[in-house]
Amino acid sequence: MFKSLIKTFRFKLLSSIVLALLTSCSNSAEQKNQDRKPLVLNGTSSTFGLQAYLRWFNQLAVNEDIYAEIESMGSGKSISTLLKGTNDFAGTDDPPSSEEVKKAPKGLLAFPVTAGAIAIAYNAPGCDLRLRRSQLAGIFLGKIDNFSQVGCNDLPITVLHRAGKSGSTESFTSALSSMDQDWKNGPGNGRLVNWPIGHAVKGSDGMATALNSTPGSIGYIESAYVREPLQVAALENRQGKFLRPTQEAASAAVSTIRLNERLVGKNPDPNLGYPIVTLNWMLVPARGLGNNTVTLRRSLEFILSSQGQDDAERLGYVPLPDQVRELGLRQLSRLKR
């Protein structure tokens, strides 16, 4: 019995020691987490990619203690804000020009982070819109001004377009210039063009709201922003197929985009899939990053990971092809303190 009491005492003593050690480790880890300062980045994003950036940095805040204050604006303004040296990154649907890269005080690196389709959304209940290439340009040129001219019921068309310098506008007008000679010789393409007709609205959210509240309206908007009751048109691609901006059709088109040595590129009239797609880039300074070097690397590692791409896909974006993700990950070594 005496030996039994000794064994019981030893067991209780050992249990107390183990519990004390576990409690000490837990308290130390908790204290360490409390002492660790959160890492905060300041950035901007085009309205196209905003939902993806918000999702990514929500995940990074939970798992990495990395936070971001992100202001939404058009791609042109997003790039110009970064060039002033006041932000840590900029999200854009239109890659920076060579002139913009030269103006960057600390250099500039472009990382493709996601992709998406530009949908032609409209508010015309009962209309199953299928547009030939010439018809799409004709609507935005004002040559076609009633849905009855494209096989639907009699309803005047109200054209909506983006205000300000927009990457979505650049993608859309580049596609129109590739599809129609009159558009190419007229308004042309760019982040900002002289629209022949239509009403200007600000941002993707503004476009979605205006389309929903304006019967007979039609406009271009990122497919991730399309919600019922809005419908999207099927567009004729180069092969003569009429396709809507599904994940499959958009992914096929994104796979045709070829990048240059700066990891930028576009294809305004792809041979495969849905005809209007674009990449989204996260632009960051190449040098002089100081303590943000590690923070930006960790952020981009997550964004370019399978999990980061899956998170964007759940929101309606198109995941990057694996080879594009790999090019982005290799480029992380170019970020300098």
C-alpha atoms as a PDB file:
ATOM      1  CA  MET A   1       0.000   0.000   0.000  1.00  0.00           C
ATOM      2  CA  PHE A   2       2.868   2.335   0.858  1.00  0.00           C
ATOM      3  CA  LYS A   3       4.417   1.695  -2.568  1.00  0.00           C
ATOM      4  CA  SER A   4       1.041   2.405  -4.162  1.00  0.00           C
ATOM      5  CA  LEU A   5       0.839   5.775  -2.428  1.00  0.00           C
ATOM      6  CA  ILE A   6       4.336   6.659  -3.642  1.00  0.00           C
ATOM      7  CA  LYS A   7       3.374   5.780  -7.229  1.00  0.00           C
ATOM      8  CA  THR A   8       0.225   7.901  -6.969  1.00  0.00           C
ATOM      9  CA  PHE A   9       2.234  10.826  -5.597  1.00  0.00           C
ATOM     10  CA  ARG A  10       4.823  10.529  -8.386  1.00  0.00           C
ATOM     11  CA  PHE A  11       2.054  10.457 -11.028  1.00  0.00           C
ATOM     12  CA  LYS A  12       0.360  13.554  -9.615  1.00  0.00           C
ATOM     13  CA  LEU A  13       3.688  15.363  -9.341  1.00  0.00           C
ATOM     14  CA  LEU A  14       4.581  14.514 -12.948  1.00  0.00           C
ATOM     15  CA  SER A  15       1.142  15.608 -14.130  1.00  0.00           C
ATOM     16  CA  SER A  16       1.507  18.923 -12.302  1.00  0.00           C
ATOM     17  CA  ILE A  17       4.932  19.527 -13.877  1.00  0.00           C
ATOM     18  CA  VAL A  18       3.635  18.737 -17.394  1.00  0.00           C
ATOM     19  CA  LEU A  19       0.592  20.968 -16.860  1.00  0.00           C
ATOM     20  CA  ALA A  20       2.810  23.793 -15.620  1.00  0.00           C
ATOM     21  CA  LEU A  21       5.098  23.469 -18.654  1.00  0.00           C
ATOM     22  CA  LEU A  22       2.153  23.425 -21.068  1.00  0.00           C
ATOM     23  CA  THR A  23       0.600  26.450 -19.385  1.00  0.00           C
ATOM     24  CA  SER A  24       3.937  28.256 -19.493  1.00  0.00           C
ATOM     25  CA  CYS A  25       4.378  27.497 -23.221  1.00  0.00           C
ATOM     26  CA  SER A  26       0.811  28.599 -23.949  1.00  0.00           C
ATOM     27  CA  ASN A  27       1.264  31.832 -22.031  1.00  0.00           C
ATOM     28  CA  SER A  28       4.604  32.457 -23.762  1.00  0.00           C
ATOM     29  CA  ALA A  29       3.055  31.893 -27.221  1.00  0.00           C
ATOM     30  CA  GLU A  30       0.123  34.141 -26.337  1.00  0.00           C
ATOM     31  CA  GLN A  31       2.452  36.816 -25.024  1.00  0.00           C
ATOM     32  CA  LYS A  32       4.594  36.510 -28.144  1.00  0.00           C
ATOM     33  CA  ASN A  33       1.515  37.004 -30.345  1.00  0.00           C
ATOM     34  CA  GLN A  34       0.496  40.011 -28.270  1.00  0.00           C
ATOM     35  CA  ASP A  35       3.973  41.502 -28.483  1.00  0.00           C
ATOM     36  CA  ARG A  36       4.193  40.980 -32.273  1.00  0.00           C
ATOM     37  CA  LYS A  37       3.264  44.182 -34.066  1.00  0.00           C
ATOM     38  CA  PRO A  38       0.852  43.798 -36.975  1.00  0.00           C
ATOM     39  CA  LEU A  39       2.283  44.530 -40.416  1.00  0.00           C
ATOM     40  CA  VAL A  40       0.307  47.164 -42.294  1.00  0.00           C
ATOM     41  CA  LEU A  41       0.454  47.956 -46.009  1.00  0.00           C
ATOM     42  CA  ASN A  42      -1.186  50.866 -47.818  1.00  0.00           C
ATOM     43  CA  GLY A  43      -2.493  50.140 -51.271  1.00  0.00           C
ATOM     44  CA  THR A  44      -4.986  50.925 -53.987  1.00  0.00           C
ATOM     45  CA  SER A  45      -7.008  48.675 -56.261  1.00  0.00           C
ATOM     46  CA  SER A  46      -9.037  49.014 -59.398  1.00  0.00           C
ATOM     47  CA  THR A  47     -12.676  48.189 -58.833  1.00  0.00           C
ATOM     48  CA  PHE A  48     -12.200  45.105 -61.027  1.00  0.00           C
ATOM     49  CA  GLY A  49      -9.886  43.368 -58.546  1.00  0.00           C
ATOM     50  CA  LEU A  50     -11.097  44.942 -55.300  1.00  0.00           C
ATOM     51  CA  GLN A  51     -13.115  41.970 -54.034  1.00  0.00           C
ATOM     52  CA  ALA A  52     -10.150  39.640 -54.523  1.00  0.00           C
ATOM     53  CA  TYR A  53      -7.738  41.975 -52.694  1.00  0.00           C
ATOM     54  CA  LEU A  54     -10.155  42.360 -49.791  1.00  0.00           C
ATOM     55  CA  ARG A  55     -10.473  38.579 -49.522  1.00  0.00           C
ATOM     56  CA  TRP A  56      -6.730  37.961 -49.722  1.00  0.00           C
ATOM     57  CA  PHE A  57      -5.816  40.493 -47.075  1.00  0.00           C
ATOM     58  CA  ASN A  58      -8.602  39.292 -44.820  1.00  0.00           C
ATOM     59  CA  GLN A  59      -6.954  35.871 -44.918  1.00  0.00           C
ATOM     60  CA  LEU A  60      -3.490  37.377 -44.435  1.00  0.00           C
ATOM     61  CA  ALA A  61      -4.695  39.341 -41.409  1.00  0.00           C
ATOM     62  CA  VAL A  62      -5.964  36.153 -39.766  1.00  0.00           C
ATOM     63  CA  ASN A  63      -3.025  33.901 -40.628  1.00  0.00           C
ATOM     64  CA  GLU A  64      -0.026  36.222 -40.995  1.00  0.00           C
ATOM     65  CA  ASP A  65      -0.882  39.382 -39.036  1.00  0.00           C
ATOM     66  CA  ILE A  66      -0.547  41.298 -42.317  1.00  0.00           C
ATOM     67  CA  TYR A  67      -3.133  44.022 -42.832  1.00  0.00           C
ATOM     68  CA  ALA A  68      -3.810  46.337 -45.749  1.00  0.00           C
ATOM     69  CA  GLU A  69      -5.660  49.600 -46.078  1.00  0.00           C
ATOM     70  CA  ILE A  70      -6.973  49.544 -49.641  1.00  0.00           C
ATOM     71  CA  GLU A  71      -8.588  52.429 -51.507  1.00  0.00           C
ATOM     72  CA  SER A  72     -10.697  51.613 -54.554  1.00  0.00           C
ATOM     73  CA  MET A  73     -10.233  53.669 -57.749  1.00  0.00           C
ATOM     74  CA  GLY A  74      -9.770  53.318 -61.494  1.00  0.00           C
ATOM     75  CA  SER A  75      -6.655  51.622 -62.838  1.00  0.00           C
ATOM     76  CA  GLY A  76      -5.171  54.858 -64.181  1.00  0.00           C
ATOM     77  CA  LYS A  77      -5.459  56.639 -60.841  1.00  0.00           C
ATOM     78  CA  SER A  78      -4.258  53.538 -59.003  1.00  0.00           C
ATOM     79  CA  ILE A  79      -1.048  53.504 -61.032  1.00  0.00           C
ATOM     80  CA  SER A  80      -0.459  57.258 -60.759  1.00  0.00           C
ATOM     81  CA  THR A  81      -0.930  57.116 -56.982  1.00  0.00           C
ATOM     82  CA  LEU A  82       1.776  54.457 -56.688  1.00  0.00           C
ATOM     83  CA  LEU A  83       4.124  56.469 -58.905  1.00  0.00           C
ATOM     84  CA  LYS A  84       3.925  59.312 -56.375  1.00  0.00           C
ATOM     85  CA  GLY A  85       5.570  57.020 -53.840  1.00  0.00           C
ATOM     86  CA  THR A  86       2.809  57.242 -51.253  1.00  0.00           C
ATOM     87  CA  ASN A  87       1.591  53.617 -51.392  1.00  0.00           C
ATOM     88  CA  ASP A  88       3.079  50.144 -51.077  1.00  0.00           C
ATOM     89  CA  PHE A  89       1.158  48.521 -53.942  1.00  0.00           C
ATOM     90  CA  ALA A  90      -1.411  49.199 -56.648  1.00  0.00           C
ATOM     91  CA  GLY A  91      -3.918  46.859 -58.255  1.00  0.00           C
ATOM     92  CA  THR A  92      -4.627  47.477 -61.938  1.00  0.00           C
ATOM     93  CA  ASP A  93      -6.329  45.754 -64.871  1.00  0.00           C
ATOM     94  CA  ASP A  94      -4.204  47.645 -67.377  1.00  0.00           C
ATOM     95  CA  PRO A  95      -0.437  47.104 -67.155  1.00  0.00           C
ATOM     96  CA  PRO A  96       1.780  50.172 -66.732  1.00  0.00           C
ATOM     97  CA  SER A  97       3.289  51.616 -69.888  1.00  0.00           C
ATOM     98  CA  SER A  98       7.045  51.834 -70.423  1.00  0.00           C
ATOM     99  CA  GLU A  99       6.833  55.566 -69.695  1.00  0.00           C
ATOM    100  CA  GLU A 100       5.057  54.929 -66.393  1.00  0.00           C
ATOM    101  CA  VAL A 101       7.683  52.369 -65.380  1.00  0.00           C
ATOM    102  CA  LYS A 102      10.441  54.920 -66.072  1.00  0.00           C
ATOM    103  CA  LYS A 103       8.685  57.464 -63.837  1.00  0.00           C
ATOM    104  CA  ALA A 104       8.606  55.109 -60.847  1.00  0.00           C
ATOM    105  CA  PRO A 105      11.017  56.570 -58.233  1.00  0.00           C
ATOM    106  CA  LYS A 106      11.900  53.124 -56.835  1.00  0.00           C
ATOM    107  CA  GLY A 107      11.435  51.060 -59.970  1.00  0.00           C
ATOM    108  CA  LEU A 108       8.344  48.975 -60.589  1.00  0.00           C
ATOM    109  CA  LEU A 109       7.546  45.264 -60.673  1.00  0.00           C
ATOM    110  CA  ALA A 110       4.283  43.867 -62.017  1.00  0.00           C
ATOM    111  CA  PHE A 111       2.875  40.640 -60.581  1.00  0.00           C
ATOM    112  CA  PRO A 112      -0.124  39.039 -62.330  1.00  0.00           C
ATOM    113  CA  VAL A 113      -2.437  38.039 -59.463  1.00  0.00           C
ATOM    114  CA  THR A 114      -5.793  37.108 -61.015  1.00  0.00           C
ATOM    115  CA  ALA A 115      -7.855  37.395 -64.183  1.00  0.00           C
ATOM    116  CA  GLY A 116     -11.418  37.897 -65.289  1.00  0.00           C
ATOM    117  CA  ALA A 117     -13.854  38.476 -68.101  1.00  0.00           C
ATOM    118  CA  ILE A 118     -15.490  41.751 -69.111  1.00  0.00           C
ATOM    119  CA  ALA A 119     -19.177  40.947 -69.463  1.00  0.00           C
ATOM    120  CA  ILE A 120     -21.681  42.835 -71.583  1.00  0.00           C
ATOM    121  CA  ALA A 121     -24.521  43.168 -69.078  1.00  0.00           C
ATOM    122  CA  TYR A 122     -27.973  44.501 -69.903  1.00  0.00           C
ATOM    123  CA  ASN A 123     -31.362  45.219 -68.393  1.00  0.00           C
ATOM    124  CA  ALA A 124     -33.948  43.897 -70.824  1.00  0.00           C
ATOM    125  CA  PRO A 125     -36.118  41.149 -69.318  1.00  0.00           C
ATOM    126  CA  GLY A 126     -37.057  38.411 -71.760  1.00  0.00           C
ATOM    127  CA  CYS A 127     -34.178  39.234 -74.126  1.00  0.00           C
ATOM    128  CA  ASP A 128     -31.619  36.472 -74.838  1.00  0.00           C
ATOM    129  CA  LEU A 129     -28.934  38.659 -76.349  1.00  0.00           C
ATOM    130  CA  ARG A 130     -26.423  37.138 -78.798  1.00  0.00           C
ATOM    131  CA  LEU A 131     -24.210  39.742 -80.402  1.00  0.00           C
ATOM    132  CA  ARG A 132     -22.078  39.483 -83.484  1.00  0.00           C
ATOM    133  CA  ARG A 133     -18.827  41.400 -83.416  1.00  0.00           C
ATOM    134  CA  SER A 134     -20.132  44.186 -85.632  1.00  0.00           C
ATOM    135  CA  GLN A 135     -23.321  44.436 -83.562  1.00  0.00           C
ATOM    136  CA  LEU A 136     -21.396  44.882 -80.304  1.00  0.00           C
ATOM    137  CA  ALA A 137     -19.435  47.785 -81.802  1.00  0.00           C
ATOM    138  CA  GLY A 138     -22.595  49.140 -83.438  1.00  0.00           C
ATOM    139  CA  ILE A 139     -24.367  49.481 -80.088  1.00  0.00           C
ATOM    140  CA  PHE A 140     -21.554  51.510 -78.526  1.00  0.00           C
ATOM    141  CA  LEU A 141     -21.164  53.592 -81.690  1.00  0.00           C
ATOM    142  CA  GLY A 142     -24.876  54.460 -81.585  1.00  0.00           C
ATOM    143  CA  LYS A 143     -25.682  52.709 -84.864  1.00  0.00           C
ATOM    144  CA  ILE A 144     -27.936  50.253 -83.053  1.00  0.00           C
ATOM    145  CA  ASP A 145     -30.221  52.047 -80.616  1.00  0.00           C
ATOM    146  CA  ASN A 146     -33.060  49.596 -79.988  1.00  0.00           C
ATOM    147  CA  PHE A 147     -33.070  46.001 -78.757  1.00  0.00           C
ATOM    148  CA  SER A 148     -35.441  45.117 -81.606  1.00  0.00           C
ATOM    149  CA  GLN A 149     -32.473  45.555 -83.983  1.00  0.00           C
ATOM    150  CA  VAL A 150     -30.674  42.641 -82.295  1.00  0.00           C
ATOM    151  CA  GLY A 151     -33.562  40.200 -82.112  1.00  0.00           C
ATOM    152  CA  CYS A 152     -35.329  41.275 -78.923  1.00  0.00           C
ATOM    153  CA  ASN A 153     -38.479  43.223 -78.057  1.00  0.00           C
ATOM    154  CA  ASP A 154     -38.897  46.892 -78.878  1.00  0.00           C
ATOM    155  CA  LEU A 155     -36.950  48.745 -76.181  1.00  0.00           C
ATOM    156  CA  PRO A 156     -34.677  51.790 -76.626  1.00  0.00           C
ATOM    157  CA  ILE A 157     -31.030  51.115 -75.683  1.00  0.00           C
ATOM    158  CA  THR A 158     -29.291  53.282 -73.095  1.00  0.00           C
ATOM    159  CA  VAL A 159     -25.511  52.864 -73.297  1.00  0.00           C
ATOM    160  CA  LEU A 160     -23.489  53.109 -70.078  1.00  0.00           C
ATOM    161  CA  HIS A 161     -19.701  53.417 -69.909  1.00  0.00           C
ATOM    162  CA  ARG A 162     -17.110  53.968 -67.219  1.00  0.00           C
ATOM    163  CA  ALA A 163     -16.035  57.429 -66.100  1.00  0.00           C
ATOM    164  CA  GLY A 164     -12.372  58.233 -65.568  1.00  0.00           C
ATOM    165  CA  LYS A 165      -9.319  56.194 -66.552  1.00  0.00           C
ATOM    166  CA  SER A 166     -10.338  52.575 -66.282  1.00  0.00           C
ATOM    167  CA  GLY A 167      -8.527  49.327 -67.024  1.00  0.00           C
ATOM    168  CA  SER A 168     -11.872  47.758 -67.877  1.00  0.00           C
ATOM    169  CA  THR A 169     -12.407  50.492 -70.463  1.00  0.00           C
ATOM    170  CA  GLU A 170      -8.980  49.782 -71.938  1.00  0.00           C
ATOM    171  CA  SER A 171      -9.720  46.054 -72.202  1.00  0.00           C
ATOM    172  CA  PHE A 172     -13.166  46.625 -73.663  1.00  0.00           C
ATOM    173  CA  THR A 173     -12.136  49.260 -76.206  1.00  0.00           C
ATOM    174  CA  SER A 174      -9.094  47.211 -77.257  1.00  0.00           C
ATOM    175  CA  ALA A 175     -11.461  44.339 -78.012  1.00  0.00           C
ATOM    176  CA  LEU A 176     -13.795  46.643 -79.983  1.00  0.00           C
ATOM    177  CA  SER A 177     -10.823  47.986 -81.967  1.00  0.00           C
ATOM    178  CA  SER A 178      -9.857  44.404 -82.863  1.00  0.00           C
ATOM    179  CA  MET A 179     -13.418  43.494 -83.843  1.00  0.00           C
ATOM    180  CA  ASP A 180     -14.538  46.545 -85.808  1.00  0.00           C
ATOM    181  CA  GLN A 181     -12.687  48.887 -88.144  1.00  0.00           C
ATOM    182  CA  ASP A 182     -15.084  51.798 -87.563  1.00  0.00           C
ATOM    183  CA  TRP A 183     -14.410  51.644 -83.842  1.00  0.00           C
ATOM    184  CA  LYS A 184     -10.655  51.362 -84.409  1.00  0.00           C
ATOM    185  CA  ASN A 185     -10.680  54.420 -86.688  1.00  0.00           C
ATOM    186  CA  GLY A 186     -13.050  56.291 -84.384  1.00  0.00           C
ATOM    187  CA  PRO A 187     -12.878  56.227 -80.576  1.00  0.00           C
ATOM    188  CA  GLY A 188      -9.987  53.726 -80.569  1.00  0.00           C
ATOM    189  CA  ASN A 189      -8.745  52.178 -77.353  1.00  0.00           C
ATOM    190  CA  GLY A 190      -7.375  53.388 -74.038  1.00  0.00           C
ATOM    191  CA  ARG A 191      -8.178  53.790 -70.359  1.00  0.00           C
ATOM    192  CA  LEU A 192     -10.163  56.877 -71.342  1.00  0.00           C
ATOM    193  CA  VAL A 193     -11.737  57.455 -74.787  1.00  0.00           C
ATOM    194  CA  ASN A 194     -14.160  59.914 -76.355  1.00  0.00           C
ATOM    195  CA  TRP A 195     -17.389  57.954 -76.275  1.00  0.00           C
ATOM    196  CA  PRO A 196     -19.747  58.690 -79.192  1.00  0.00           C
ATOM    197  CA  ILE A 197     -22.814  58.152 -76.977  1.00  0.00           C
ATOM    198  CA  GLY A 198     -23.799  57.036 -73.511  1.00  0.00           C
ATOM    199  CA  HIS A 199     -23.754  58.008 -69.856  1.00  0.00           C
ATOM    200  CA  ALA A 200     -20.674  57.795 -67.647  1.00  0.00           C
ATOM    201  CA  VAL A 201     -20.787  55.939 -64.326  1.00  0.00           C
ATOM    202  CA  LYS A 202     -18.082  55.594 -61.706  1.00  0.00           C
ATOM    203  CA  GLY A 203     -16.610  52.224 -60.801  1.00  0.00           C
ATOM    204  CA  SER A 204     -17.831  48.656 -61.166  1.00  0.00           C
ATOM    205  CA  ASP A 205     -20.284  48.986 -58.285  1.00  0.00           C
ATOM    206  CA  GLY A 206     -21.634  52.145 -59.908  1.00  0.00           C
ATOM    207  CA  MET A 207     -22.028  50.327 -63.221  1.00  0.00           C
ATOM    208  CA  ALA A 208     -23.912  47.436 -61.595  1.00  0.00           C
ATOM    209  CA  THR A 209     -26.207  49.848 -59.749  1.00  0.00           C
ATOM    210  CA  ALA A 210     -26.896  51.935 -62.867  1.00  0.00           C
ATOM    211  CA  LEU A 211     -27.635  48.869 -64.979  1.00  0.00           C
ATOM    212  CA  ASN A 212     -30.049  47.500 -62.388  1.00  0.00           C
ATOM    213  CA  SER A 213     -31.913  50.783 -62.070  1.00  0.00           C
ATOM    214  CA  THR A 214     -32.097  51.684 -65.779  1.00  0.00           C
ATOM    215  CA  PRO A 215     -34.452  49.636 -67.979  1.00  0.00           C
ATOM    216  CA  GLY A 216     -33.040  49.223 -71.470  1.00  0.00           C
ATOM    217  CA  SER A 217     -29.468  49.868 -70.348  1.00  0.00           C
ATOM    218  CA  ILE A 218     -26.371  48.025 -71.526  1.00  0.00           C
ATOM    219  CA  GLY A 219     -22.785  48.347 -70.356  1.00  0.00           C
ATOM    220  CA  TYR A 220     -19.515  46.505 -69.739  1.00  0.00           C
ATOM    221  CA  ILE A 221     -18.628  45.187 -66.317  1.00  0.00           C
ATOM    222  CA  GLU A 222     -16.386  42.552 -64.772  1.00  0.00           C
ATOM    223  CA  SER A 223     -18.270  39.260 -64.647  1.00  0.00           C
ATOM    224  CA  ALA A 224     -17.545  38.943 -60.896  1.00  0.00           C
ATOM    225  CA  TYR A 225     -19.885  41.921 -60.342  1.00  0.00           C
ATOM    226  CA  VAL A 226     -22.846  40.595 -62.334  1.00  0.00           C
ATOM    227  CA  ARG A 227     -25.783  39.651 -60.139  1.00  0.00           C
ATOM    228  CA  GLU A 228     -29.404  38.821 -60.894  1.00  0.00           C
ATOM    229  CA  PRO A 229     -31.584  40.167 -62.372  1.00  0.00           C
ATOM    230  CA  LEU A 230     -28.898  41.411 -64.794  1.00  0.00           C
ATOM    231  CA  GLN A 231     -28.237  39.248 -67.845  1.00  0.00           C
ATOM    232  CA  VAL A 232     -25.055  38.908 -69.867  1.00  0.00           C
ATOM    233  CA  ALA A 233     -24.814  38.723 -73.633  1.00  0.00           C
ATOM    234  CA  ALA A 234     -23.269  35.874 -75.569  1.00  0.00           C
ATOM    235  CA  LEU A 235     -20.508  37.343 -77.759  1.00  0.00           C
ATOM    236  CA  GLU A 236     -19.116  36.057 -81.031  1.00  0.00           C
ATOM    237  CA  ASN A 237     -15.439  35.137 -80.787  1.00  0.00           C
ATOM    238  CA  ARG A 238     -12.924  34.841 -83.607  1.00  0.00           C
ATOM    239  CA  GLN A 239     -14.013  31.267 -84.330  1.00  0.00           C
ATOM    240  CA  GLY A 240     -17.628  32.382 -84.786  1.00  0.00           C
ATOM    241  CA  LYS A 241     -18.805  30.803 -81.529  1.00  0.00           C
ATOM    242  CA  PHE A 242     -21.209  32.668 -79.270  1.00  0.00           C
ATOM    243  CA  LEU A 243     -20.025  32.419 -75.668  1.00  0.00           C
ATOM    244  CA  ARG A 244     -20.947  33.917 -72.332  1.00  0.00           C
ATOM    245  CA  PRO A 245     -18.280  34.738 -69.713  1.00  0.00           C
ATOM    246  CA  THR A 246     -18.318  31.411 -67.865  1.00  0.00           C
ATOM    247  CA  GLN A 247     -15.269  30.244 -65.917  1.00  0.00           C
ATOM    248  CA  GLU A 248     -14.477  27.711 -68.621  1.00  0.00           C
ATOM    249  CA  ALA A 249     -14.791  30.146 -71.540  1.00  0.00           C
ATOM    250  CA  ALA A 250     -12.844  32.877 -69.747  1.00  0.00           C
ATOM    251  CA  SER A 251     -10.066  30.478 -68.655  1.00  0.00           C
ATOM    252  CA  ALA A 252      -9.598  29.319 -72.231  1.00  0.00           C
ATOM    253  CA  ALA A 253      -9.104  32.926 -73.353  1.00  0.00           C
ATOM    254  CA  VAL A 254      -6.795  33.809 -70.444  1.00  0.00           C
ATOM    255  CA  SER A 255      -4.545  30.889 -71.411  1.00  0.00           C
ATOM    256  CA  THR A 256      -3.801  32.646 -74.724  1.00  0.00           C
ATOM    257  CA  ILE A 257      -2.286  35.743 -73.061  1.00  0.00           C
ATOM    258  CA  ARG A 258       1.487  35.847 -73.482  1.00  0.00           C
ATOM    259  CA  LEU A 259       3.628  37.843 -71.074  1.00  0.00           C
ATOM    260  CA  ASN A 260       6.822  39.744 -71.804  1.00  0.00           C
ATOM    261  CA  GLU A 261       9.899  39.979 -69.578  1.00  0.00           C
ATOM    262  CA  ARG A 262       8.058  42.441 -67.303  1.00  0.00           C
ATOM    263  CA  LEU A 263       5.232  39.883 -66.874  1.00  0.00           C
ATOM    264  CA  VAL A 264       2.704  42.110 -68.646  1.00  0.00           C
ATOM    265  CA  GLY A 265       0.670  41.355 -71.730  1.00  0.00           C
ATOM    266  CA  LYS A 266      -2.829  41.112 -73.129  1.00  0.00           C
ATOM    267  CA  ASN A 267      -4.817  39.543 -75.942  1.00  0.00           C
ATOM    268  CA  PRO A 268      -7.717  41.768 -77.034  1.00  0.00           C
ATOM    269  CA  ASP A 269      -9.124  39.182 -79.457  1.00  0.00           C
ATOM    270  CA  PRO A 270      -8.182  35.632 -78.412  1.00  0.00           C
ATOM    271  CA  ASN A 271      -8.573  32.615 -80.692  1.00  0.00           C
ATOM    272  CA  LEU A 272     -10.154  30.587 -77.913  1.00  0.00           C
ATOM    273  CA  GLY A 273     -12.933  31.149 -75.416  1.00  0.00           C
ATOM    274  CA  TYR A 274     -14.778  34.290 -74.410  1.00  0.00           C
ATOM    275  CA  PRO A 275     -13.447  37.263 -76.402  1.00  0.00           C
ATOM    276  CA  ILE A 276     -12.901  39.940 -73.697  1.00  0.00           C
ATOM    277  CA  VAL A 277     -10.620  38.992 -70.801  1.00  0.00           C
ATOM    278  CA  THR A 278      -7.892  40.684 -68.814  1.00  0.00           C
ATOM    279  CA  LEU A 279      -5.311  39.950 -66.172  1.00  0.00           C
ATOM    280  CA  ASN A 280      -5.047  41.961 -62.983  1.00  0.00           C
ATOM    281  CA  TRP A 281      -1.623  43.024 -61.737  1.00  0.00           C
ATOM    282  CA  MET A 282      -0.351  43.965 -58.308  1.00  0.00           C
ATOM    283  CA  LEU A 283       2.310  46.634 -58.859  1.00  0.00           C
ATOM    284  CA  VAL A 284       4.993  47.154 -56.208  1.00  0.00           C
ATOM    285  CA  PRO A 285       8.200  49.193 -56.003  1.00  0.00           C
ATOM    286  CA  ALA A 286      11.256  47.144 -56.937  1.00  0.00           C
ATOM    287  CA  ARG A 287      13.615  48.595 -54.329  1.00  0.00           C
ATOM    288  CA  GLY A 288      13.806  50.770 -51.242  1.00  0.00           C
ATOM    289  CA  LEU A 289      11.160  48.657 -49.527  1.00  0.00           C
ATOM    290  CA  GLY A 290      12.825  48.506 -46.109  1.00  0.00           C
ATOM    291  CA  ASN A 291      10.784  46.474 -43.622  1.00  0.00           C
ATOM    292  CA  ASN A 292       8.042  46.016 -46.215  1.00  0.00           C
ATOM    293  CA  THR A 293      10.254  43.690 -48.255  1.00  0.00           C
ATOM    294  CA  VAL A 294       9.342  40.605 -46.259  1.00  0.00           C
ATOM    295  CA  THR A 295       5.711  41.742 -45.828  1.00  0.00           C
ATOM    296  CA  LEU A 296       5.156  42.131 -49.569  1.00  0.00           C
ATOM    297  CA  ARG A 297       6.877  38.823 -50.314  1.00  0.00           C
ATOM    298  CA  ARG A 298       4.718  36.966 -47.814  1.00  0.00           C
ATOM    299  CA  SER A 299       1.592  38.658 -49.189  1.00  0.00           C
ATOM    300  CA  LEU A 300       2.375  37.768 -52.787  1.00  0.00           C
ATOM    301  CA  GLU A 301       3.384  34.224 -51.859  1.00  0.00           C
ATOM    302  CA  PHE A 302      -0.094  33.703 -50.445  1.00  0.00           C
ATOM    303  CA  ILE A 303      -1.909  35.492 -53.297  1.00  0.00           C
ATOM    304  CA  LEU A 304      -0.046  33.351 -55.860  1.00  0.00           C
ATOM    305  CA  SER A 305      -0.575  30.135 -53.901  1.00  0.00           C
ATOM    306  CA  SER A 306      -3.237  27.588 -54.789  1.00  0.00           C
ATOM    307  CA  GLN A 307      -5.263  28.706 -51.778  1.00  0.00           C
ATOM    308  CA  GLY A 308      -5.081  32.360 -52.788  1.00  0.00           C
ATOM    309  CA  GLN A 309      -6.178  31.558 -56.329  1.00  0.00           C
ATOM    310  CA  ASP A 310      -8.999  29.338 -55.061  1.00  0.00           C
ATOM    311  CA  ASP A 311     -10.246  32.182 -52.852  1.00  0.00           C
ATOM    312  CA  ALA A 312     -10.416  34.497 -55.882  1.00  0.00           C
ATOM    313  CA  GLU A 313     -12.162  31.867 -58.003  1.00  0.00           C
ATOM    314  CA  ARG A 314     -14.930  31.544 -55.385  1.00  0.00           C
ATOM    315  CA  LEU A 315     -15.623  35.247 -55.913  1.00  0.00           C
ATOM    316  CA  GLY A 316     -16.000  34.823 -59.675  1.00  0.00           C
ATOM    317  CA  TYR A 317     -12.443  35.551 -60.834  1.00  0.00           C
ATOM    318  CA  VAL A 318     -10.407  33.344 -63.149  1.00  0.00           C
ATOM    319  CA  PRO A 319      -7.392  31.591 -61.566  1.00  0.00           C
ATOM    320  CA  LEU A 320      -4.016  32.218 -63.140  1.00  0.00           C
ATOM    321  CA  PRO A 321      -2.483  29.476 -65.294  1.00  0.00           C
ATOM    322  CA  ASP A 322       0.173  27.572 -63.312  1.00  0.00           C
ATOM    323  CA  GLN A 323       3.020  28.802 -65.498  1.00  0.00           C
ATOM    324  CA  VAL A 324       2.008  32.425 -64.849  1.00  0.00           C
ATOM    325  CA  ARG A 325       1.890  31.826 -61.082  1.00  0.00           C
ATOM    326  CA  GLU A 326       5.368  30.296 -61.241  1.00  0.00           C
ATOM    327  CA  LEU A 327       6.763  33.303 -63.118  1.00  0.00           C
ATOM    328  CA  GLY A 328       5.349  35.590 -60.438  1.00  0.00           C
ATOM    329  CA  LEU A 329       6.811  33.522 -57.605  1.00  0.00           C
ATOM    330  CA  ARG A 330      10.248  33.547 -59.244  1.00  0.00           C
ATOM    331  CA  GLN A 331      10.100  37.316 -59.545  1.00  0.00           C
ATOM    332  CA  LEU A 332       9.757  37.726 -55.741  1.00  0.00           C
ATOM    333  CA  SER A 333      13.540  37.534 -55.447  1.00  0.00           C
ATOM    334  CA  ARG A 334      13.761  40.880 -57.281  1.00  0.00           C
ATOM    335  CA  LEU A 335      12.148  42.768 -54.390  1.00  0.00           C
ATOM    336  CA  LYS A 336      14.969  44.679 -52.661  1.00  0.00           C
ATOM    337  CA  ARG A 337      15.225  46.469 -49.336  1.00  0.00           C
END
